[in-house]
């Protein structure tokens, strides 16, 4: 079973039903629902997703949406090691460094994101949800 770290943009594709990206995100999270992959997200993703959902949907249902979503993923806590590695990294964006080192911390095989260019320094595969689904056949 693959262990994946899912970047915030893919979580938002699913929960905000973003046009052009929703279907492949839905397929990915369905694999988790059927216990075919282990999906992990950073605790930072939960905070950022709540902020964006609340902002975009103008609704207090953001927490309810996240509570329902939580059953599909493992939330990986930020810790001192992840922050230290991220601060010292060569990643252009601090948030991307946090995602990367969170992936390493949880033993992820692959990071799923739509911003592959932000992970050029990664030592593990970086795929979009669509690419990952094609690999699975």
N, C-alpha and C. Protein backbone atom coordinates (compact mmCIF):
# COMPACT_ATOMS: atom_id res chain seq x y z
N UNK A 1 0.85 -1.18 0.00
CA UNK A 1 0.00 0.00 0.00
C UNK A 1 0.89 1.24 0.00
N UNK A 2 0.63 2.15 -0.91
CA UNK A 2 1.40 3.38 -0.97
C UNK A 2 1.05 4.31 0.19
N UNK A 3 2.06 4.97 0.69
CA UNK A 3 1.90 6.01 1.70
C UNK A 3 2.18 7.33 1.01
N UNK A 4 1.19 8.21 1.01
CA UNK A 4 1.28 9.47 0.28
C UNK A 4 1.13 10.65 1.23
N UNK A 5 1.82 11.74 0.91
CA UNK A 5 1.53 13.01 1.56
C UNK A 5 0.80 13.86 0.52
N UNK A 6 -0.34 14.39 0.91
CA UNK A 6 -1.16 15.18 0.00
C UNK A 6 -1.00 16.65 0.36
N UNK A 7 -0.61 17.44 -0.63
CA UNK A 7 -0.40 18.87 -0.44
C UNK A 7 -1.75 19.59 -0.31
N UNK A 8 -1.69 20.75 0.28
CA UNK A 8 -2.90 21.54 0.56
C UNK A 8 -3.73 21.81 -0.70
N UNK A 9 -3.07 22.08 -1.82
CA UNK A 9 -3.83 22.42 -3.04
C UNK A 9 -4.72 21.27 -3.49
N UNK A 10 -4.30 20.04 -3.29
CA UNK A 10 -5.11 18.89 -3.70
C UNK A 10 -6.28 18.69 -2.73
N UNK A 11 -6.04 18.94 -1.45
CA UNK A 11 -7.13 18.87 -0.47
C UNK A 11 -8.19 19.91 -0.82
N UNK A 12 -7.76 21.11 -1.15
CA UNK A 12 -8.72 22.16 -1.54
C UNK A 12 -9.42 21.84 -2.85
N UNK A 13 -8.72 21.16 -3.76
CA UNK A 13 -9.38 20.73 -5.01
C UNK A 13 -10.60 19.88 -4.69
N UNK A 14 -10.44 19.00 -3.72
CA UNK A 14 -11.54 18.13 -3.33
C UNK A 14 -12.62 18.89 -2.56
N UNK A 15 -12.23 19.54 -1.48
CA UNK A 15 -13.22 20.11 -0.57
C UNK A 15 -13.92 21.35 -1.12
N UNK A 16 -13.22 22.12 -1.94
CA UNK A 16 -13.83 23.30 -2.55
C UNK A 16 -14.40 22.98 -3.94
N UNK A 17 -14.28 21.71 -4.32
CA UNK A 17 -14.77 21.23 -5.62
C UNK A 17 -14.28 22.13 -6.76
N UNK A 18 -12.97 22.33 -6.79
CA UNK A 18 -12.36 23.18 -7.80
C UNK A 18 -12.51 22.58 -9.19
N UNK A 19 -13.03 23.40 -10.07
CA UNK A 19 -13.24 22.98 -11.45
C UNK A 19 -11.90 22.57 -12.06
N UNK A 20 -11.91 21.57 -12.88
CA UNK A 20 -10.74 21.02 -13.59
C UNK A 20 -9.86 20.12 -12.72
N UNK A 21 -10.04 20.13 -11.41
CA UNK A 21 -9.19 19.32 -10.54
C UNK A 21 -9.97 18.42 -9.59
N UNK A 22 -11.25 18.66 -9.44
CA UNK A 22 -12.06 17.94 -8.46
C UNK A 22 -12.09 16.43 -8.72
N UNK A 23 -12.30 16.03 -9.95
CA UNK A 23 -12.50 14.60 -10.25
C UNK A 23 -11.26 13.78 -9.89
N UNK A 24 -10.08 14.24 -10.29
CA UNK A 24 -8.88 13.45 -9.95
C UNK A 24 -8.60 13.47 -8.45
N UNK A 25 -8.91 14.57 -7.77
CA UNK A 25 -8.77 14.59 -6.31
C UNK A 25 -9.76 13.61 -5.68
N UNK A 26 -10.96 13.61 -6.18
CA UNK A 26 -11.99 12.70 -5.65
C UNK A 26 -11.57 11.24 -5.84
N UNK A 27 -11.01 10.91 -6.99
CA UNK A 27 -10.53 9.55 -7.24
C UNK A 27 -9.44 9.16 -6.25
N UNK A 28 -8.52 10.08 -5.98
CA UNK A 28 -7.45 9.82 -5.03
C UNK A 28 -8.00 9.55 -3.63
N UNK A 29 -8.91 10.39 -3.18
CA UNK A 29 -9.44 10.22 -1.83
C UNK A 29 -10.38 9.03 -1.73
N UNK A 30 -10.95 8.61 -2.83
CA UNK A 30 -11.76 7.39 -2.85
C UNK A 30 -10.88 6.17 -2.58
N UNK A 31 -9.65 6.20 -3.09
CA UNK A 31 -8.71 5.11 -2.81
C UNK A 31 -8.49 4.98 -1.30
N UNK A 32 -8.39 6.10 -0.63
CA UNK A 32 -8.23 6.07 0.82
C UNK A 32 -9.47 5.53 1.50
N UNK A 33 -10.61 5.94 1.03
CA UNK A 33 -11.88 5.48 1.59
C UNK A 33 -12.01 3.96 1.47
N UNK A 34 -11.40 3.39 0.42
CA UNK A 34 -11.42 1.94 0.20
C UNK A 34 -10.18 1.25 0.75
N UNK A 35 -9.42 1.95 1.57
CA UNK A 35 -8.21 1.41 2.21
C UNK A 35 -7.18 0.88 1.22
N UNK A 36 -7.05 1.57 0.08
CA UNK A 36 -6.08 1.16 -0.94
C UNK A 36 -4.79 1.99 -0.90
N UNK A 37 -4.84 3.13 -0.23
CA UNK A 37 -3.66 3.96 -0.02
C UNK A 37 -3.76 4.57 1.38
N UNK A 38 -2.63 4.97 1.90
CA UNK A 38 -2.62 5.71 3.16
C UNK A 38 -2.32 7.17 2.81
N UNK A 39 -3.29 8.03 3.07
CA UNK A 39 -3.12 9.45 2.78
C UNK A 39 -2.79 10.20 4.07
N UNK A 40 -1.77 11.03 3.97
CA UNK A 40 -1.32 11.84 5.09
C UNK A 40 -1.37 13.31 4.69
N UNK A 41 -1.66 14.15 5.65
CA UNK A 41 -1.58 15.59 5.44
C UNK A 41 -0.89 16.20 6.65
N UNK A 42 -0.24 17.30 6.42
CA UNK A 42 0.39 18.04 7.50
C UNK A 42 -0.69 18.75 8.32
N UNK A 43 -0.45 18.93 9.60
CA UNK A 43 -1.39 19.71 10.41
C UNK A 43 -1.49 21.13 9.87
N UNK A 44 -0.44 21.61 9.23
CA UNK A 44 -0.49 22.92 8.57
C UNK A 44 -1.55 22.94 7.48
N UNK A 45 -1.69 21.83 6.77
CA UNK A 45 -2.72 21.72 5.73
C UNK A 45 -4.11 21.90 6.31
N UNK A 46 -4.34 21.30 7.47
CA UNK A 46 -5.67 21.45 8.09
C UNK A 46 -5.96 22.91 8.41
N UNK A 47 -4.99 23.60 8.98
CA UNK A 47 -5.19 25.01 9.34
C UNK A 47 -5.41 25.87 8.08
N UNK A 48 -4.56 25.67 7.08
CA UNK A 48 -4.69 26.46 5.85
C UNK A 48 -5.97 26.15 5.10
N UNK A 49 -6.37 24.89 5.11
CA UNK A 49 -7.61 24.49 4.42
C UNK A 49 -8.82 25.11 5.10
N UNK A 50 -8.84 25.09 6.42
CA UNK A 50 -9.95 25.72 7.14
C UNK A 50 -10.04 27.19 6.78
N UNK A 51 -8.92 27.87 6.79
CA UNK A 51 -8.89 29.30 6.46
C UNK A 51 -9.45 29.54 5.07
N UNK A 52 -8.99 28.77 4.09
CA UNK A 52 -9.43 28.95 2.70
C UNK A 52 -10.91 28.59 2.52
N UNK A 53 -11.35 27.50 3.13
CA UNK A 53 -12.76 27.12 3.01
C UNK A 53 -13.66 28.18 3.63
N UNK A 54 -13.30 28.66 4.79
CA UNK A 54 -14.09 29.68 5.46
C UNK A 54 -14.13 30.95 4.61
N UNK A 55 -12.98 31.29 4.03
CA UNK A 55 -12.88 32.48 3.19
C UNK A 55 -13.68 32.34 1.89
N UNK A 56 -13.57 31.20 1.23
CA UNK A 56 -14.21 30.98 -0.07
C UNK A 56 -15.70 30.70 0.06
N UNK A 57 -16.07 29.89 1.03
CA UNK A 57 -17.46 29.48 1.14
C UNK A 57 -18.28 30.39 2.03
N UNK A 58 -17.59 31.28 2.75
CA UNK A 58 -18.28 32.21 3.66
C UNK A 58 -19.26 31.46 4.55
N UNK A 59 -18.79 30.37 5.10
CA UNK A 59 -19.67 29.54 5.88
C UNK A 59 -18.98 29.02 7.13
N UNK A 60 -19.75 28.84 8.15
CA UNK A 60 -19.21 28.25 9.36
C UNK A 60 -19.14 26.73 9.24
N UNK A 61 -19.53 26.20 8.08
CA UNK A 61 -19.48 24.76 7.85
C UNK A 61 -18.07 24.25 7.57
N UNK A 62 -17.09 25.13 7.55
CA UNK A 62 -15.72 24.71 7.24
C UNK A 62 -15.25 23.63 8.21
N UNK A 63 -15.56 23.78 9.48
CA UNK A 63 -15.15 22.76 10.46
C UNK A 63 -15.89 21.45 10.23
N UNK A 64 -17.14 21.52 9.89
CA UNK A 64 -17.91 20.31 9.61
C UNK A 64 -17.33 19.57 8.40
N UNK A 65 -17.00 20.34 7.38
CA UNK A 65 -16.40 19.76 6.17
C UNK A 65 -15.09 19.06 6.53
N UNK A 66 -14.26 19.73 7.32
CA UNK A 66 -12.98 19.14 7.72
C UNK A 66 -13.17 17.92 8.63
N UNK A 67 -14.16 17.96 9.49
CA UNK A 67 -14.42 16.80 10.36
C UNK A 67 -14.79 15.58 9.51
N UNK A 68 -15.61 15.76 8.50
CA UNK A 68 -15.96 14.65 7.61
C UNK A 68 -14.76 14.18 6.79
N UNK A 69 -13.94 15.13 6.37
CA UNK A 69 -12.75 14.82 5.60
C UNK A 69 -11.71 14.05 6.41
N UNK A 70 -11.62 14.35 7.69
CA UNK A 70 -10.59 13.79 8.57
C UNK A 70 -10.56 12.26 8.55
N UNK A 71 -11.68 11.61 8.32
CA UNK A 71 -11.70 10.14 8.32
C UNK A 71 -10.89 9.54 7.16
N UNK A 72 -10.56 10.35 6.16
CA UNK A 72 -9.83 9.86 4.99
C UNK A 72 -8.31 9.98 5.11
N UNK A 73 -7.84 10.74 6.11
CA UNK A 73 -6.41 11.04 6.18
C UNK A 73 -5.87 10.89 7.59
N UNK A 74 -4.55 10.73 7.64
CA UNK A 74 -3.82 10.84 8.91
C UNK A 74 -3.24 12.24 8.95
N UNK A 75 -3.39 12.92 10.05
CA UNK A 75 -2.83 14.25 10.21
C UNK A 75 -1.48 14.11 10.92
N UNK A 76 -0.44 14.59 10.26
CA UNK A 76 0.91 14.50 10.79
C UNK A 76 1.25 15.82 11.49
N UNK A 77 1.59 15.71 12.75
CA UNK A 77 1.89 16.90 13.55
C UNK A 77 3.20 17.54 13.11
N UNK A 78 3.20 18.86 13.14
CA UNK A 78 4.46 19.57 12.96
C UNK A 78 5.26 19.41 14.24
N UNK A 79 6.54 19.20 14.08
CA UNK A 79 7.38 19.10 15.26
C UNK A 79 8.63 19.94 15.07
N UNK A 80 9.43 20.00 16.10
CA UNK A 80 10.64 20.81 16.08
C UNK A 80 11.57 20.40 14.94
N UNK A 81 11.69 19.10 14.71
CA UNK A 81 12.58 18.60 13.65
C UNK A 81 12.13 19.10 12.28
N UNK A 82 10.84 19.00 11.99
CA UNK A 82 10.32 19.45 10.69
C UNK A 82 10.55 20.95 10.51
N UNK A 83 10.29 21.72 11.56
CA UNK A 83 10.48 23.18 11.47
C UNK A 83 11.95 23.51 11.26
N UNK A 84 12.84 22.87 12.03
CA UNK A 84 14.28 23.13 11.88
C UNK A 84 14.76 22.80 10.47
N UNK A 85 14.39 21.64 9.98
CA UNK A 85 14.80 21.24 8.63
C UNK A 85 14.24 22.20 7.58
N UNK A 86 13.02 22.63 7.77
CA UNK A 86 12.38 23.55 6.82
C UNK A 86 13.06 24.92 6.84
N UNK A 87 13.39 25.40 8.03
CA UNK A 87 14.07 26.69 8.14
C UNK A 87 15.45 26.67 7.49
N UNK A 88 16.13 25.54 7.58
CA UNK A 88 17.48 25.41 7.03
C UNK A 88 17.51 24.94 5.58
N UNK A 89 16.36 24.68 5.00
CA UNK A 89 16.31 24.09 3.65
C UNK A 89 16.55 25.13 2.56
N UNK A 90 16.77 24.61 1.37
CA UNK A 90 16.94 25.45 0.19
C UNK A 90 15.63 25.66 -0.57
N UNK A 91 14.53 25.14 -0.03
CA UNK A 91 13.24 25.34 -0.68
C UNK A 91 12.92 26.82 -0.76
N UNK A 92 12.39 27.25 -1.88
CA UNK A 92 12.03 28.66 -2.07
C UNK A 92 10.93 29.07 -1.10
N UNK A 93 9.92 28.21 -0.95
CA UNK A 93 8.78 28.53 -0.10
C UNK A 93 8.82 27.69 1.17
N UNK A 94 8.73 28.36 2.30
CA UNK A 94 8.78 27.70 3.60
C UNK A 94 7.70 26.64 3.74
N UNK A 95 6.48 26.95 3.28
CA UNK A 95 5.38 25.99 3.38
C UNK A 95 5.69 24.71 2.61
N UNK A 96 6.30 24.83 1.44
CA UNK A 96 6.65 23.64 0.67
C UNK A 96 7.70 22.81 1.39
N UNK A 97 8.63 23.48 2.06
CA UNK A 97 9.63 22.76 2.85
C UNK A 97 8.94 21.99 3.97
N UNK A 98 7.97 22.61 4.61
CA UNK A 98 7.23 21.92 5.67
C UNK A 98 6.52 20.70 5.12
N UNK A 99 5.89 20.83 3.95
CA UNK A 99 5.21 19.68 3.35
C UNK A 99 6.22 18.57 3.05
N UNK A 100 7.36 18.94 2.50
CA UNK A 100 8.37 17.94 2.14
C UNK A 100 8.90 17.21 3.37
N UNK A 101 9.29 17.94 4.39
CA UNK A 101 9.84 17.29 5.57
C UNK A 101 8.77 16.54 6.38
N UNK A 102 7.54 16.96 6.26
CA UNK A 102 6.45 16.18 6.85
C UNK A 102 6.31 14.85 6.12
N UNK A 103 6.45 14.89 4.80
CA UNK A 103 6.39 13.65 4.00
C UNK A 103 7.49 12.70 4.43
N UNK A 104 8.69 13.20 4.60
CA UNK A 104 9.79 12.35 5.04
C UNK A 104 9.53 11.80 6.44
N UNK A 105 9.01 12.63 7.31
CA UNK A 105 8.75 12.23 8.69
C UNK A 105 7.75 11.09 8.77
N UNK A 106 6.73 11.10 7.91
CA UNK A 106 5.70 10.05 7.97
C UNK A 106 6.02 8.87 7.04
N UNK A 107 7.18 8.91 6.38
CA UNK A 107 7.57 7.80 5.52
C UNK A 107 6.82 7.73 4.21
N UNK A 108 6.39 8.88 3.72
CA UNK A 108 5.64 8.91 2.45
C UNK A 108 6.51 8.45 1.29
N UNK A 109 5.89 7.69 0.41
CA UNK A 109 6.56 7.24 -0.81
C UNK A 109 6.53 8.32 -1.89
N UNK A 110 5.48 9.13 -1.87
CA UNK A 110 5.21 10.11 -2.93
C UNK A 110 4.51 11.32 -2.30
N UNK A 111 4.78 12.50 -2.85
CA UNK A 111 4.01 13.70 -2.52
C UNK A 111 3.07 13.96 -3.68
N UNK A 112 1.81 14.19 -3.36
CA UNK A 112 0.80 14.51 -4.38
C UNK A 112 0.51 16.00 -4.30
N UNK A 113 0.75 16.70 -5.40
CA UNK A 113 0.57 18.15 -5.45
C UNK A 113 0.30 18.58 -6.89
N UNK A 114 -0.21 19.79 -7.04
CA UNK A 114 -0.31 20.36 -8.38
C UNK A 114 0.86 21.31 -8.64
N UNK A 115 1.65 21.58 -7.64
CA UNK A 115 2.78 22.51 -7.76
C UNK A 115 4.11 21.76 -7.75
N UNK A 116 4.30 20.92 -8.74
CA UNK A 116 5.50 20.09 -8.78
C UNK A 116 6.78 20.92 -8.84
N UNK A 117 6.73 22.06 -9.50
CA UNK A 117 7.92 22.90 -9.64
C UNK A 117 8.44 23.38 -8.30
N UNK A 118 7.57 23.45 -7.30
CA UNK A 118 7.98 23.91 -5.97
C UNK A 118 8.76 22.85 -5.20
N UNK A 119 8.82 21.64 -5.73
CA UNK A 119 9.48 20.53 -5.03
C UNK A 119 10.67 19.99 -5.81
N UNK A 120 11.33 20.85 -6.56
CA UNK A 120 12.48 20.43 -7.38
C UNK A 120 13.60 19.79 -6.56
N UNK A 121 13.70 20.17 -5.30
CA UNK A 121 14.77 19.66 -4.44
C UNK A 121 14.42 18.33 -3.76
N UNK A 122 13.22 17.86 -3.99
CA UNK A 122 12.74 16.65 -3.30
C UNK A 122 13.51 15.41 -3.74
N UNK A 123 13.68 14.52 -2.79
CA UNK A 123 14.37 13.25 -3.04
C UNK A 123 13.39 12.08 -3.15
N UNK A 124 12.10 12.39 -3.14
CA UNK A 124 11.06 11.37 -3.36
C UNK A 124 10.21 11.84 -4.53
N UNK A 125 9.48 10.94 -5.19
CA UNK A 125 8.66 11.34 -6.34
C UNK A 125 7.59 12.37 -5.97
N UNK A 126 7.38 13.28 -6.92
CA UNK A 126 6.36 14.33 -6.79
C UNK A 126 5.43 14.16 -7.98
N UNK A 127 4.16 13.85 -7.70
CA UNK A 127 3.18 13.60 -8.77
C UNK A 127 1.92 14.42 -8.54
N UNK A 128 1.21 14.67 -9.63
CA UNK A 128 -0.14 15.21 -9.49
C UNK A 128 -1.08 14.04 -9.18
N UNK A 129 -2.28 14.36 -8.74
CA UNK A 129 -3.26 13.30 -8.49
C UNK A 129 -3.54 12.54 -9.79
N UNK A 130 -3.62 13.26 -10.89
CA UNK A 130 -3.89 12.64 -12.18
C UNK A 130 -2.77 11.67 -12.57
N UNK A 131 -1.52 12.08 -12.39
CA UNK A 131 -0.38 11.22 -12.71
C UNK A 131 -0.39 9.97 -11.82
N UNK A 132 -0.68 10.16 -10.55
CA UNK A 132 -0.70 9.02 -9.64
C UNK A 132 -1.79 8.02 -10.04
N UNK A 133 -2.95 8.53 -10.39
CA UNK A 133 -4.04 7.64 -10.78
C UNK A 133 -3.69 6.87 -12.06
N UNK A 134 -2.99 7.51 -13.00
CA UNK A 134 -2.55 6.81 -14.22
C UNK A 134 -1.56 5.70 -13.89
N UNK A 135 -0.66 5.95 -12.94
CA UNK A 135 0.32 4.94 -12.53
C UNK A 135 -0.36 3.69 -11.97
N UNK A 136 -1.45 3.92 -11.27
CA UNK A 136 -2.19 2.81 -10.66
C UNK A 136 -2.93 1.98 -11.70
N UNK A 137 -3.10 2.57 -12.87
CA UNK A 137 -3.75 1.82 -13.95
C UNK A 137 -5.18 1.94 -13.88
